Amino acid sequence: MDEMPNVVVVMARCISTDQSFGIRVEEFSPGAWKADWAFAIKEDRAKKEGYDRNEISGEFAFAKSYPGCPYCQRKALVRCGCGTVFCWDGDSKDIDCSVCGKKRAIRGPVTKLNSRADH
C-alpha cells in the first residue's frame, strides 16, 4: 500500500485585500515542500478545520499548478516577523502588516510557514 503524502494547509492573507486564504503544501522529500493549490477560506472556518495551528519548516517551492492568491493571483509569499504569511508581488522591499501593524523589511527566503492563532 502506498504511503499517504504529508499534506498541510497553512493560512495566508492577501496583501491587497487583507482577506484570508489557505495554501495546500505537500512534502515531496524530507524538509522540502511544494505549494500546489490556494483557496479562499474565512478565518472562522479555517479555525474549525485546525488550519490556524499548522506550522512547517524547510525549503519551499511552487508547483506549476499553483494558482497564486485567490484574490490577486500573486504567486510569491512573504512572512512578517509576527508570523503572518502574505502573498507578495516579488518586488516590494517591505510590507505593511495588517496583523501586527508594523512595517517590515523583506529579507531572505521563507523557511517557515505557520498560521498559529497567537499572532
PDB file of N, CA and C in Angstrom:
ATOM      1  N   MET A   1       0.844  -1.175   0.000  1.00  0.00           N
ATOM      2  CA  MET A   1       0.000   0.000   0.000  1.00  0.00           C
ATOM      3  C   MET A   1       0.889   1.238   0.000  1.00  0.00           C
ATOM      4  N   ASP A   2       0.571   2.212  -0.828  1.00  0.00           N
ATOM      5  CA  ASP A   2       1.342   3.453  -0.904  1.00  0.00           C
ATOM      6  C   ASP A   2       1.122   4.294   0.345  1.00  0.00           C
ATOM      7  N   GLU A   3       2.194   5.013   0.743  1.00  0.00           N
ATOM      8  CA  GLU A   3       2.078   5.927   1.864  1.00  0.00           C
ATOM      9  C   GLU A   3       1.270   7.147   1.458  1.00  0.00           C
ATOM     10  N   MET A   4       0.520   7.672   2.401  1.00  0.00           N
ATOM     11  CA  MET A   4      -0.224   8.899   2.159  1.00  0.00           C
ATOM     12  C   MET A   4       0.766  10.059   2.156  1.00  0.00           C
ATOM     13  N   PRO A   5       0.610  11.006   1.266  1.00  0.00           N
ATOM     14  CA  PRO A   5       1.518  12.156   1.242  1.00  0.00           C
ATOM     15  C   PRO A   5       1.329  13.019   2.488  1.00  0.00           C
ATOM     16  N   ASN A   6       2.402  13.678   2.910  1.00  0.00           N
ATOM     17  CA  ASN A   6       2.339  14.606   4.025  1.00  0.00           C
ATOM     18  C   ASN A   6       1.861  15.945   3.470  1.00  0.00           C
ATOM     19  N   VAL A   7       0.592  16.261   3.698  1.00  0.00           N
ATOM     20  CA  VAL A   7      -0.040  17.459   3.170  1.00  0.00           C
ATOM     21  C   VAL A   7      -0.489  18.332   4.339  1.00  0.00           C
ATOM     22  N   VAL A   8      -0.220  19.618   4.221  1.00  0.00           N
ATOM     23  CA  VAL A   8      -0.589  20.576   5.260  1.00  0.00           C
ATOM     24  C   VAL A   8      -1.220  21.786   4.583  1.00  0.00           C
ATOM     25  N   VAL A   9      -2.187  22.380   5.236  1.00  0.00           N
ATOM     26  CA  VAL A   9      -2.750  23.651   4.783  1.00  0.00           C
ATOM     27  C   VAL A   9      -2.308  24.717   5.770  1.00  0.00           C
ATOM     28  N   VAL A  10      -1.679  25.758   5.254  1.00  0.00           N
ATOM     29  CA  VAL A  10      -1.308  26.903   6.088  1.00  0.00           C
ATOM     30  C   VAL A  10      -2.121  28.107   5.623  1.00  0.00           C
ATOM     31  N   MET A  11      -2.333  29.013   6.535  1.00  0.00           N
ATOM     32  CA  MET A  11      -3.134  30.187   6.252  1.00  0.00           C
ATOM     33  C   MET A  11      -2.257  31.351   5.820  1.00  0.00           C
ATOM     34  N   ALA A  12      -2.828  32.188   4.966  1.00  0.00           N
ATOM     35  CA  ALA A  12      -2.156  33.393   4.485  1.00  0.00           C
ATOM     36  C   ALA A  12      -3.204  34.485   4.327  1.00  0.00           C
ATOM     37  N   ARG A  13      -2.719  35.699   4.050  1.00  0.00           N
ATOM     38  CA  ARG A  13      -3.598  36.841   3.806  1.00  0.00           C
ATOM     39  C   ARG A  13      -3.187  37.515   2.508  1.00  0.00           C
ATOM     40  N   CYS A  14      -4.170  38.041   1.815  1.00  0.00           N
ATOM     41  CA  CYS A  14      -3.892  38.797   0.604  1.00  0.00           C
ATOM     42  C   CYS A  14      -3.365  40.170   1.010  1.00  0.00           C
ATOM     43  N   ILE A  15      -2.221  40.548   0.504  1.00  0.00           N
ATOM     44  CA  ILE A  15      -1.609  41.831   0.835  1.00  0.00           C
ATOM     45  C   ILE A  15      -2.454  42.994   0.320  1.00  0.00           C
ATOM     46  N   SER A  16      -3.251  42.765  -0.727  1.00  0.00           N
ATOM     47  CA  SER A  16      -4.085  43.821  -1.304  1.00  0.00           C
ATOM     48  C   SER A  16      -5.450  43.953  -0.634  1.00  0.00           C
ATOM     49  N   THR A  17      -6.104  42.819  -0.371  1.00  0.00           N
ATOM     50  CA  THR A  17      -7.476  42.857   0.142  1.00  0.00           C
ATOM     51  C   THR A  17      -7.579  42.532   1.627  1.00  0.00           C
ATOM     52  N   ASP A  18      -6.514  41.989   2.217  1.00  0.00           N
ATOM     53  CA  ASP A  18      -6.457  41.548   3.618  1.00  0.00           C
ATOM     54  C   ASP A  18      -7.417  40.389   3.899  1.00  0.00           C
ATOM     55  N   GLN A  19      -7.848  39.681   2.871  1.00  0.00           N
ATOM     56  CA  GLN A  19      -8.705  38.515   3.057  1.00  0.00           C
ATOM     57  C   GLN A  19      -7.840  37.276   3.238  1.00  0.00           C
ATOM     58  N   SER A  20      -8.357  36.316   3.997  1.00  0.00           N
ATOM     59  CA  SER A  20      -7.587  35.109   4.285  1.00  0.00           C
ATOM     60  C   SER A  20      -7.753  34.061   3.183  1.00  0.00           C
ATOM     61  N   PHE A  21      -6.711  33.236   3.052  1.00  0.00           N
ATOM     62  CA  PHE A  21      -6.769  32.099   2.138  1.00  0.00           C
ATOM     63  C   PHE A  21      -5.873  30.982   2.643  1.00  0.00           C
ATOM     64  N   GLY A  22      -6.164  29.773   2.214  1.00  0.00           N
ATOM     65  CA  GLY A  22      -5.378  28.607   2.579  1.00  0.00           C
ATOM     66  C   GLY A  22      -4.439  28.239   1.447  1.00  0.00           C
ATOM     67  N   ILE A  23      -3.293  27.709   1.819  1.00  0.00           N
ATOM     68  CA  ILE A  23      -2.315  27.224   0.843  1.00  0.00           C
ATOM     69  C   ILE A  23      -2.049  25.757   1.148  1.00  0.00           C
ATOM     70  N   ARG A  24      -2.307  24.900   0.186  1.00  0.00           N
ATOM     71  CA  ARG A  24      -2.018  23.469   0.336  1.00  0.00           C
ATOM     72  C   ARG A  24      -0.568  23.245  -0.039  1.00  0.00           C
ATOM     73  N   VAL A  25       0.204  22.658   0.883  1.00  0.00           N
ATOM     74  CA  VAL A  25       1.596  22.333   0.609  1.00  0.00           C
ATOM     75  C   VAL A  25       1.816  20.854   0.889  1.00  0.00           C
ATOM     76  N   GLU A  26       2.632  20.252   0.063  1.00  0.00           N
ATOM     77  CA  GLU A  26       2.926  18.829   0.198  1.00  0.00           C
ATOM     78  C   GLU A  26       4.429  18.635   0.336  1.00  0.00           C
ATOM     79  N   GLU A  27       4.815  17.784   1.266  1.00  0.00           N
ATOM     80  CA  GLU A  27       6.236  17.471   1.465  1.00  0.00           C
ATOM     81  C   GLU A  27       6.638  16.432   0.430  1.00  0.00           C
ATOM     82  N   PHE A  28       7.507  16.829  -0.507  1.00  0.00           N
ATOM     83  CA  PHE A  28       7.905  15.892  -1.555  1.00  0.00           C
ATOM     84  C   PHE A  28       9.212  15.193  -1.238  1.00  0.00           C
ATOM     85  N   SER A  29       9.972  15.676  -0.273  1.00  0.00           N
ATOM     86  CA  SER A  29      11.103  14.977   0.328  1.00  0.00           C
ATOM     87  C   SER A  29      11.285  15.591   1.708  1.00  0.00           C
ATOM     88  N   PRO A  30      11.986  14.927   2.626  1.00  0.00           N
ATOM     89  CA  PRO A  30      12.077  15.445   3.993  1.00  0.00           C
ATOM     90  C   PRO A  30      12.552  16.910   4.043  1.00  0.00           C
ATOM     91  N   GLY A  31      11.705  17.767   4.612  1.00  0.00           N
ATOM     92  CA  GLY A  31      12.033  19.178   4.753  1.00  0.00           C
ATOM     93  C   GLY A  31      11.898  20.000   3.488  1.00  0.00           C
ATOM     94  N   ALA A  32      11.365  19.415   2.432  1.00  0.00           N
ATOM     95  CA  ALA A  32      11.187  20.128   1.157  1.00  0.00           C
ATOM     96  C   ALA A  32       9.704  20.112   0.798  1.00  0.00           C
ATOM     97  N   TRP A  33       9.112  21.295   0.671  1.00  0.00           N
ATOM     98  CA  TRP A  33       7.682  21.452   0.491  1.00  0.00           C
ATOM     99  C   TRP A  33       7.370  22.150  -0.818  1.00  0.00           C
ATOM    100  N   LYS A  34       6.227  21.787  -1.392  1.00  0.00           N
ATOM    101  CA  LYS A  34       5.800  22.412  -2.641  1.00  0.00           C
ATOM    102  C   LYS A  34       4.336  22.835  -2.503  1.00  0.00           C
ATOM    103  N   ALA A  35       4.069  24.117  -2.743  1.00  0.00           N
ATOM    104  CA  ALA A  35       2.697  24.632  -2.739  1.00  0.00           C
ATOM    105  C   ALA A  35       2.068  24.303  -4.085  1.00  0.00           C
ATOM    106  N   ASP A  36       0.863  23.729  -4.044  1.00  0.00           N
ATOM    107  CA  ASP A  36       0.239  23.353  -5.313  1.00  0.00           C
ATOM    108  C   ASP A  36      -1.208  23.831  -5.459  1.00  0.00           C
ATOM    109  N   TRP A  37      -1.725  24.499  -4.435  1.00  0.00           N
ATOM    110  CA  TRP A  37      -3.112  24.940  -4.520  1.00  0.00           C
ATOM    111  C   TRP A  37      -3.331  26.045  -3.504  1.00  0.00           C
ATOM    112  N   ALA A  38      -4.205  26.974  -3.800  1.00  0.00           N
ATOM    113  CA  ALA A  38      -4.603  28.032  -2.863  1.00  0.00           C
ATOM    114  C   ALA A  38      -6.102  28.246  -3.014  1.00  0.00           C
ATOM    115  N   PHE A  39      -6.758  28.552  -1.917  1.00  0.00           N
ATOM    116  CA  PHE A  39      -8.207  28.685  -1.949  1.00  0.00           C
ATOM    117  C   PHE A  39      -8.677  29.690  -0.903  1.00  0.00           C
ATOM    118  N   ALA A  40      -9.715  30.422  -1.246  1.00  0.00           N
ATOM    119  CA  ALA A  40     -10.316  31.376  -0.317  1.00  0.00           C
ATOM    120  C   ALA A  40     -10.978  30.611   0.821  1.00  0.00           C
ATOM    121  N   ILE A  41     -10.812  31.107   2.041  1.00  0.00           N
ATOM    122  CA  ILE A  41     -11.463  30.499   3.196  1.00  0.00           C
ATOM    123  C   ILE A  41     -11.607  31.566   4.280  1.00  0.00           C
ATOM    124  N   LYS A  42     -12.718  31.582   4.933  1.00  0.00           N
ATOM    125  CA  LYS A  42     -12.950  32.516   6.031  1.00  0.00           C
ATOM    126  C   LYS A  42     -12.187  32.040   7.263  1.00  0.00           C
ATOM    127  N   GLU A  43     -11.733  32.993   8.067  1.00  0.00           N
ATOM    128  CA  GLU A  43     -10.913  32.652   9.233  1.00  0.00           C
ATOM    129  C   GLU A  43     -11.636  31.746  10.219  1.00  0.00           C
ATOM    130  N   ASP A  44     -12.935  31.953  10.452  1.00  0.00           N
ATOM    131  CA  ASP A  44     -13.647  31.093  11.397  1.00  0.00           C
ATOM    132  C   ASP A  44     -13.708  29.656  10.897  1.00  0.00           C
ATOM    133  N   ARG A  45     -13.873  29.463   9.601  1.00  0.00           N
ATOM    134  CA  ARG A  45     -13.878  28.108   9.023  1.00  0.00           C
ATOM    135  C   ARG A  45     -12.490  27.472   9.128  1.00  0.00           C
ATOM    136  N   ALA A  46     -11.443  28.271   8.881  1.00  0.00           N
ATOM    137  CA  ALA A  46     -10.073  27.775   8.980  1.00  0.00           C
ATOM    138  C   ALA A  46      -9.771  27.300  10.399  1.00  0.00           C
ATOM    139  N   LYS A  47     -10.250  28.029  11.383  1.00  0.00           N
ATOM    140  CA  LYS A  47     -10.048  27.623  12.780  1.00  0.00           C
ATOM    141  C   LYS A  47     -10.757  26.311  13.075  1.00  0.00           C
ATOM    142  N   LYS A  48     -11.987  26.154  12.565  1.00  0.00           N
ATOM    143  CA  LYS A  48     -12.724  24.892  12.761  1.00  0.00           C
ATOM    144  C   LYS A  48     -11.969  23.713  12.158  1.00  0.00           C
ATOM    145  N   GLU A  49     -11.315  23.938  11.016  1.00  0.00           N
ATOM    146  CA  GLU A  49     -10.557  22.886  10.343  1.00  0.00           C
ATOM    147  C   GLU A  49      -9.181  22.657  10.987  1.00  0.00           C
ATOM    148  N   GLY A  50      -8.760  23.564  11.865  1.00  0.00           N
ATOM    149  CA  GLY A  50      -7.454  23.443  12.512  1.00  0.00           C
ATOM    150  C   GLY A  50      -6.311  24.022  11.700  1.00  0.00           C
ATOM    151  N   TYR A  51      -6.624  24.710  10.611  1.00  0.00           N
ATOM    152  CA  TYR A  51      -5.578  25.272   9.759  1.00  0.00           C
ATOM    153  C   TYR A  51      -4.782  26.364  10.465  1.00  0.00           C
ATOM    154  N   ASP A  52      -5.373  26.994  11.474  1.00  0.00           N
ATOM    155  CA  ASP A  52      -4.699  28.073  12.194  1.00  0.00           C
ATOM    156  C   ASP A  52      -3.617  27.555  13.149  1.00  0.00           C
ATOM    157  N   ARG A  53      -3.453  26.250  13.241  1.00  0.00           N
ATOM    158  CA  ARG A  53      -2.456  25.673  14.150  1.00  0.00           C
ATOM    159  C   ARG A  53      -1.320  24.963  13.416  1.00  0.00           C
ATOM    160  N   ASN A  54      -1.320  24.993  12.108  1.00  0.00           N
ATOM    161  CA  ASN A  54      -0.297  24.295  11.335  1.00  0.00           C
ATOM    162  C   ASN A  54       0.998  25.099  11.253  1.00  0.00           C
ATOM    163  N   GLU A  55       2.111  24.377  11.274  1.00  0.00           N
ATOM    164  CA  GLU A  55       3.417  25.006  11.103  1.00  0.00           C
ATOM    165  C   GLU A  55       4.346  24.011  10.420  1.00  0.00           C
ATOM    166  N   ILE A  56       5.066  24.480   9.420  1.00  0.00           N
ATOM    167  CA  ILE A  56       6.045  23.643   8.729  1.00  0.00           C
ATOM    168  C   ILE A  56       7.315  24.447   8.522  1.00  0.00           C
ATOM    169  N   SER A  57       8.430  23.745   8.441  1.00  0.00           N
ATOM    170  CA  SER A  57       9.725  24.389   8.210  1.00  0.00           C
ATOM    171  C   SER A  57      10.450  23.656   7.104  1.00  0.00           C
ATOM    172  N   GLY A  58      11.351  24.370   6.438  1.00  0.00           N
ATOM    173  CA  GLY A  58      12.162  23.749   5.399  1.00  0.00           C
ATOM    174  C   GLY A  58      12.312  24.645   4.193  1.00  0.00           C
ATOM    175  N   GLU A  59      12.454  24.013   3.058  1.00  0.00           N
ATOM    176  CA  GLU A  59      12.567  24.722   1.785  1.00  0.00           C
ATOM    177  C   GLU A  59      11.213  24.677   1.091  1.00  0.00           C
ATOM    178  N   PHE A  60      10.868  25.789   0.417  1.00  0.00           N
ATOM    179  CA  PHE A  60       9.564  25.888  -0.229  1.00  0.00           C
ATOM    180  C   PHE A  60       9.717  26.197  -1.709  1.00  0.00           C
ATOM    181  N   ALA A  61       8.850  25.575  -2.480  1.00  0.00           N
ATOM    182  CA  ALA A  61       8.798  25.820  -3.924  1.00  0.00           C
ATOM    183  C   ALA A  61       7.322  25.848  -4.320  1.00  0.00           C
ATOM    184  N   PHE A  62       7.076  26.197  -5.556  1.00  0.00           N
ATOM    185  CA  PHE A  62       5.711  26.241  -6.071  1.00  0.00           C
ATOM    186  C   PHE A  62       5.589  25.293  -7.252  1.00  0.00           C
ATOM    187  N   ALA A  63       4.548  24.478  -7.222  1.00  0.00           N
ATOM    188  CA  ALA A  63       4.253  23.613  -8.359  1.00  0.00           C
ATOM    189  C   ALA A  63       3.768  24.479  -9.519  1.00  0.00           C
ATOM    190  N   LYS A  64       3.922  23.989 -10.726  1.00  0.00           N
ATOM    191  CA  LYS A  64       3.415  24.721 -11.893  1.00  0.00           C
ATOM    192  C   LYS A  64       1.917  24.956 -11.775  1.00  0.00           C
ATOM    193  N   SER A  65       1.237  24.058 -11.079  1.00  0.00           N
ATOM    194  CA  SER A  65      -0.212  24.163 -10.917  1.00  0.00           C
ATOM    195  C   SER A  65      -0.639  25.207  -9.875  1.00  0.00           C
ATOM    196  N   TYR A  66       0.299  25.749  -9.104  1.00  0.00           N
ATOM    197  CA  TYR A  66      -0.066  26.707  -8.051  1.00  0.00           C
ATOM    198  C   TYR A  66      -0.712  27.938  -8.682  1.00  0.00           C
ATOM    199  N   PRO A  67      -1.975  28.243  -8.314  1.00  0.00           N
ATOM    200  CA  PRO A  67      -2.682  29.342  -8.962  1.00  0.00           C
ATOM    201  C   PRO A  67      -2.375  30.726  -8.388  1.00  0.00           C
ATOM    202  N   GLY A  68      -1.700  30.775  -7.257  1.00  0.00           N
ATOM    203  CA  GLY A  68      -1.456  32.054  -6.605  1.00  0.00           C
ATOM    204  C   GLY A  68      -2.609  32.431  -5.694  1.00  0.00           C
ATOM    205  N   CYS A  69      -2.516  33.612  -5.131  1.00  0.00           N
ATOM    206  CA  CYS A  69      -3.545  34.134  -4.230  1.00  0.00           C
ATOM    207  C   CYS A  69      -4.899  34.129  -4.947  1.00  0.00           C
ATOM    208  N   PRO A  70      -5.948  33.631  -4.292  1.00  0.00           N
ATOM    209  CA  PRO A  70      -7.255  33.597  -4.956  1.00  0.00           C
ATOM    210  C   PRO A  70      -7.877  34.981  -5.161  1.00  0.00           C
ATOM    211  N   TYR A  71      -7.305  36.019  -4.571  1.00  0.00           N
ATOM    212  CA  TYR A  71      -7.849  37.365  -4.708  1.00  0.00           C
ATOM    213  C   TYR A  71      -7.086  38.211  -5.727  1.00  0.00           C
ATOM    214  N   CYS A  72      -5.750  38.109  -5.735  1.00  0.00           N
ATOM    215  CA  CYS A  72      -4.956  38.976  -6.619  1.00  0.00           C
ATOM    216  C   CYS A  72      -4.040  38.185  -7.558  1.00  0.00           C
ATOM    217  N   GLN A  73      -3.990  36.871  -7.422  1.00  0.00           N
ATOM    218  CA  GLN A  73      -3.217  35.945  -8.247  1.00  0.00           C
ATOM    219  C   GLN A  73      -1.693  36.071  -8.094  1.00  0.00           C
ATOM    220  N   ARG A  74      -1.204  36.824  -7.104  1.00  0.00           N
ATOM    221  CA  ARG A  74       0.244  36.865  -6.864  1.00  0.00           C
ATOM    222  C   ARG A  74       0.707  35.483  -6.446  1.00  0.00           C
ATOM    223  N   LYS A  75       1.848  35.064  -6.966  1.00  0.00           N
ATOM    224  CA  LYS A  75       2.317  33.705  -6.716  1.00  0.00           C
ATOM    225  C   LYS A  75       3.455  33.606  -5.713  1.00  0.00           C
ATOM    226  N   ALA A  76       4.028  34.710  -5.285  1.00  0.00           N
ATOM    227  CA  ALA A  76       5.101  34.678  -4.297  1.00  0.00           C
ATOM    228  C   ALA A  76       4.509  34.893  -2.904  1.00  0.00           C
ATOM    229  N   LEU A  77       5.273  34.487  -1.879  1.00  0.00           N
ATOM    230  CA  LEU A  77       4.849  34.644  -0.495  1.00  0.00           C
ATOM    231  C   LEU A  77       5.932  35.359   0.299  1.00  0.00           C
ATOM    232  N   VAL A  78       5.497  36.065   1.328  1.00  0.00           N
ATOM    233  CA  VAL A  78       6.399  36.717   2.262  1.00  0.00           C
ATOM    234  C   VAL A  78       5.818  36.498   3.654  1.00  0.00           C
ATOM    235  N   ARG A  79       6.713  36.420   4.640  1.00  0.00           N
ATOM    236  CA  ARG A  79       6.276  36.181   6.015  1.00  0.00           C
ATOM    237  C   ARG A  79       6.719  37.341   6.894  1.00  0.00           C
ATOM    238  N   CYS A  80       5.790  37.952   7.596  1.00  0.00           N
ATOM    239  CA  CYS A  80       6.093  39.033   8.530  1.00  0.00           C
ATOM    240  C   CYS A  80       6.784  38.440   9.759  1.00  0.00           C
ATOM    241  N   GLY A  81       7.496  39.263  10.488  1.00  0.00           N
ATOM    242  CA  GLY A  81       8.139  38.827  11.725  1.00  0.00           C
ATOM    243  C   GLY A  81       7.158  38.307  12.757  1.00  0.00           C
ATOM    244  N   CYS A  82       5.890  38.721  12.673  1.00  0.00           N
ATOM    245  CA  CYS A  82       4.874  38.233  13.608  1.00  0.00           C
ATOM    246  C   CYS A  82       4.382  36.838  13.228  1.00  0.00           C
ATOM    247  N   GLY A  83       4.788  36.349  12.058  1.00  0.00           N
ATOM    248  CA  GLY A  83       4.399  35.013  11.615  1.00  0.00           C
ATOM    249  C   GLY A  83       3.341  34.986  10.534  1.00  0.00           C
ATOM    250  N   THR A  84       2.698  36.104  10.258  1.00  0.00           N
ATOM    251  CA  THR A  84       1.654  36.151   9.240  1.00  0.00           C
ATOM    252  C   THR A  84       2.260  36.008   7.851  1.00  0.00           C
ATOM    253  N   VAL A  85       1.661  35.160   7.037  1.00  0.00           N
ATOM    254  CA  VAL A  85       2.100  34.935   5.663  1.00  0.00           C
ATOM    255  C   VAL A  85       1.196  35.745   4.739  1.00  0.00           C
ATOM    256  N   PHE A  86       1.819  36.450   3.792  1.00  0.00           N
ATOM    257  CA  PHE A  86       1.090  37.249   2.816  1.00  0.00           C
ATOM    258  C   PHE A  86       1.504  36.849   1.409  1.00  0.00           C
ATOM    259  N   CYS A  87       0.590  37.054   0.449  1.00  0.00           N
ATOM    260  CA  CYS A  87       1.006  36.971  -0.944  1.00  0.00           C
ATOM    261  C   CYS A  87       1.899  38.183  -1.195  1.00  0.00           C
ATOM    262  N   TRP A  88       2.728  38.105  -2.222  1.00  0.00           N
ATOM    263  CA  TRP A  88       3.729  39.154  -2.446  1.00  0.00           C
ATOM    264  C   TRP A  88       3.963  39.310  -3.931  1.00  0.00           C
ATOM    265  N   ASP A  89       4.265  40.532  -4.351  1.00  0.00           N
ATOM    266  CA  ASP A  89       4.490  40.800  -5.770  1.00  0.00           C
ATOM    267  C   ASP A  89       5.890  40.397  -6.239  1.00  0.00           C
ATOM    268  N   GLY A  90       6.761  40.042  -5.326  1.00  0.00           N
ATOM    269  CA  GLY A  90       8.110  39.623  -5.687  1.00  0.00           C
ATOM    270  C   GLY A  90       9.088  40.772  -5.848  1.00  0.00           C
ATOM    271  N   ASP A  91       8.604  42.013  -5.800  1.00  0.00           N
ATOM    272  CA  ASP A  91       9.457  43.179  -5.994  1.00  0.00           C
ATOM    273  C   ASP A  91       9.537  44.112  -4.795  1.00  0.00           C
ATOM    274  N   SER A  92       8.455  44.264  -4.050  1.00  0.00           N
ATOM    275  CA  SER A  92       8.428  45.200  -2.929  1.00  0.00           C
ATOM    276  C   SER A  92       9.528  44.878  -1.933  1.00  0.00           C
ATOM    277  N   LYS A  93      10.097  45.906  -1.334  1.00  0.00           N
ATOM    278  CA  LYS A  93      11.204  45.734  -0.384  1.00  0.00           C
ATOM    279  C   LYS A  93      10.725  45.648   1.060  1.00  0.00           C
ATOM    280  N   ASP A  94       9.458  46.028   1.312  1.00  0.00           N
ATOM    281  CA  ASP A  94       8.897  45.913   2.648  1.00  0.00           C
ATOM    282  C   ASP A  94       7.383  45.737   2.555  1.00  0.00           C
ATOM    283  N   ILE A  95       6.797  45.364   3.678  1.00  0.00           N
ATOM    284  CA  ILE A  95       5.346  45.183   3.745  1.00  0.00           C
ATOM    285  C   ILE A  95       4.809  45.932   4.954  1.00  0.00           C
ATOM    286  N   ASP A  96       3.563  46.346   4.864  1.00  0.00           N
ATOM    287  CA  ASP A  96       2.824  46.885   5.996  1.00  0.00           C
ATOM    288  C   ASP A  96       1.921  45.762   6.475  1.00  0.00           C
ATOM    289  N   CYS A  97       2.226  45.221   7.652  1.00  0.00           N
ATOM    290  CA  CYS A  97       1.471  44.079   8.163  1.00  0.00           C
ATOM    291  C   CYS A  97       0.158  44.545   8.775  1.00  0.00           C
ATOM    292  N   SER A  98      -0.944  44.003   8.290  1.00  0.00           N
ATOM    293  CA  SER A  98      -2.267  44.353   8.796  1.00  0.00           C
ATOM    294  C   SER A  98      -2.565  43.660  10.122  1.00  0.00           C
ATOM    295  N   VAL A  99      -1.748  42.678  10.509  1.00  0.00           N
ATOM    296  CA  VAL A  99      -1.988  41.947  11.745  1.00  0.00           C
ATOM    297  C   VAL A  99      -1.267  42.603  12.923  1.00  0.00           C
ATOM    298  N   CYS A 100       0.043  42.836  12.794  1.00  0.00           N
ATOM    299  CA  CYS A 100       0.794  43.434  13.900  1.00  0.00           C
ATOM    300  C   CYS A 100       0.920  44.947  13.771  1.00  0.00           C
ATOM    301  N   GLY A 101       0.585  45.492  12.598  1.00  0.00           N
ATOM    302  CA  GLY A 101       0.614  46.930  12.398  1.00  0.00           C
ATOM    303  C   GLY A 101       1.986  47.522  12.121  1.00  0.00           C
ATOM    304  N   LYS A 102       2.997  46.684  11.931  1.00  0.00           N
ATOM    305  CA  LYS A 102       4.352  47.185  11.703  1.00  0.00           C
ATOM    306  C   LYS A 102       4.725  47.121  10.227  1.00  0.00           C
ATOM    307  N   LYS A 103       5.635  48.006   9.842  1.00  0.00           N
ATOM    308  CA  LYS A 103       6.227  47.959   8.510  1.00  0.00           C
ATOM    309  C   LYS A 103       7.485  47.100   8.643  1.00  0.00           C
ATOM    310  N   ARG A 104       7.616  46.091   7.804  1.00  0.00           N
ATOM    311  CA  ARG A 104       8.733  45.153   7.902  1.00  0.00           C
ATOM    312  C   ARG A 104       9.505  45.085   6.594  1.00  0.00           C
ATOM    313  N   ALA A 105      10.824  45.075   6.711  1.00  0.00           N
ATOM    314  CA  ALA A 105      11.675  44.872   5.541  1.00  0.00           C
ATOM    315  C   ALA A 105      11.649  43.395   5.172  1.00  0.00           C
ATOM    316  N   ILE A 106      11.706  43.111   3.886  1.00  0.00           N
ATOM    317  CA  ILE A 106      11.725  41.731   3.406  1.00  0.00           C
ATOM    318  C   ILE A 106      13.176  41.296   3.305  1.00  0.00           C
ATOM    319  N   ARG A 107      13.488  40.163   3.971  1.00  0.00           N
ATOM    320  CA  ARG A 107      14.855  39.649   3.998  1.00  0.00           C
ATOM    321  C   ARG A 107      14.855  38.145   3.753  1.00  0.00           C
ATOM    322  N   GLY A 108      15.534  37.716   2.730  1.00  0.00           N
ATOM    323  CA  GLY A 108      15.773  36.295   2.509  1.00  0.00           C
ATOM    324  C   GLY A 108      14.537  35.475   2.210  1.00  0.00           C
ATOM    325  N   PRO A 109      14.755  34.189   1.921  1.00  0.00           N
ATOM    326  CA  PRO A 109      13.650  33.292   1.566  1.00  0.00           C
ATOM    327  C   PRO A 109      12.840  32.867   2.794  1.00  0.00           C
ATOM    328  N   VAL A 110      11.602  32.511   2.561  1.00  0.00           N
ATOM    329  CA  VAL A 110      10.746  31.973   3.610  1.00  0.00           C
ATOM    330  C   VAL A 110      11.229  30.563   3.926  1.00  0.00           C
ATOM    331  N   THR A 111      11.479  30.287   5.219  1.00  0.00           N
ATOM    332  CA  THR A 111      11.903  28.948   5.638  1.00  0.00           C
ATOM    333  C   THR A 111      10.934  28.333   6.636  1.00  0.00           C
ATOM    334  N   LYS A 112       9.918  29.090   7.034  1.00  0.00           N
ATOM    335  CA  LYS A 112       8.921  28.577   7.967  1.00  0.00           C
ATOM    336  C   LYS A 112       7.577  29.181   7.606  1.00  0.00           C
ATOM    337  N   LEU A 113       6.571  28.343   7.548  1.00  0.00           N
ATOM    338  CA  LEU A 113       5.202  28.808   7.349  1.00  0.00           C
ATOM    339  C   LEU A 113       4.401  28.360   8.561  1.00  0.00           C
ATOM    340  N   ASN A 114       3.691  29.287   9.137  1.00  0.00           N
ATOM    341  CA  ASN A 114       2.825  28.923  10.242  1.00  0.00           C
ATOM    342  C   ASN A 114       1.586  29.781  10.201  1.00  0.00           C
ATOM    343  N   SER A 115       0.569  29.296  10.838  1.00  0.00           N
ATOM    344  CA  SER A 115      -0.682  30.036  10.875  1.00  0.00           C
ATOM    345  C   SER A 115      -1.285  29.902  12.272  1.00  0.00           C
ATOM    346  N   ARG A 116      -0.414  30.023  13.247  1.00  0.00           N
ATOM    347  CA  ARG A 116      -0.859  29.927  14.640  1.00  0.00           C
ATOM    348  C   ARG A 116      -1.845  31.047  14.950  1.00  0.00           C
ATOM    349  N   ALA A 117      -2.747  30.758  15.864  1.00  0.00           N
ATOM    350  CA  ALA A 117      -3.760  31.744  16.232  1.00  0.00           C
ATOM    351  C   ALA A 117      -3.228  32.812  17.177  1.00  0.00           C
ATOM    352  N   ASP A 118      -1.975  32.700  17.650  1.00  0.00           N
ATOM    353  CA  ASP A 118      -1.463  33.629  18.647  1.00  0.00           C
ATOM    354  C   ASP A 118      -0.792  34.848  18.044  1.00  0.00           C
ATOM    355  N   HIS A 119      -0.915  35.104  16.760  1.00  0.00           N
ATOM    356  CA  HIS A 119      -0.327  36.330  16.199  1.00  0.00           C
ATOM    357  C   HIS A 119      -1.371  37.224  15.626  1.00  0.00           C
TER     358      HIS A 119
END
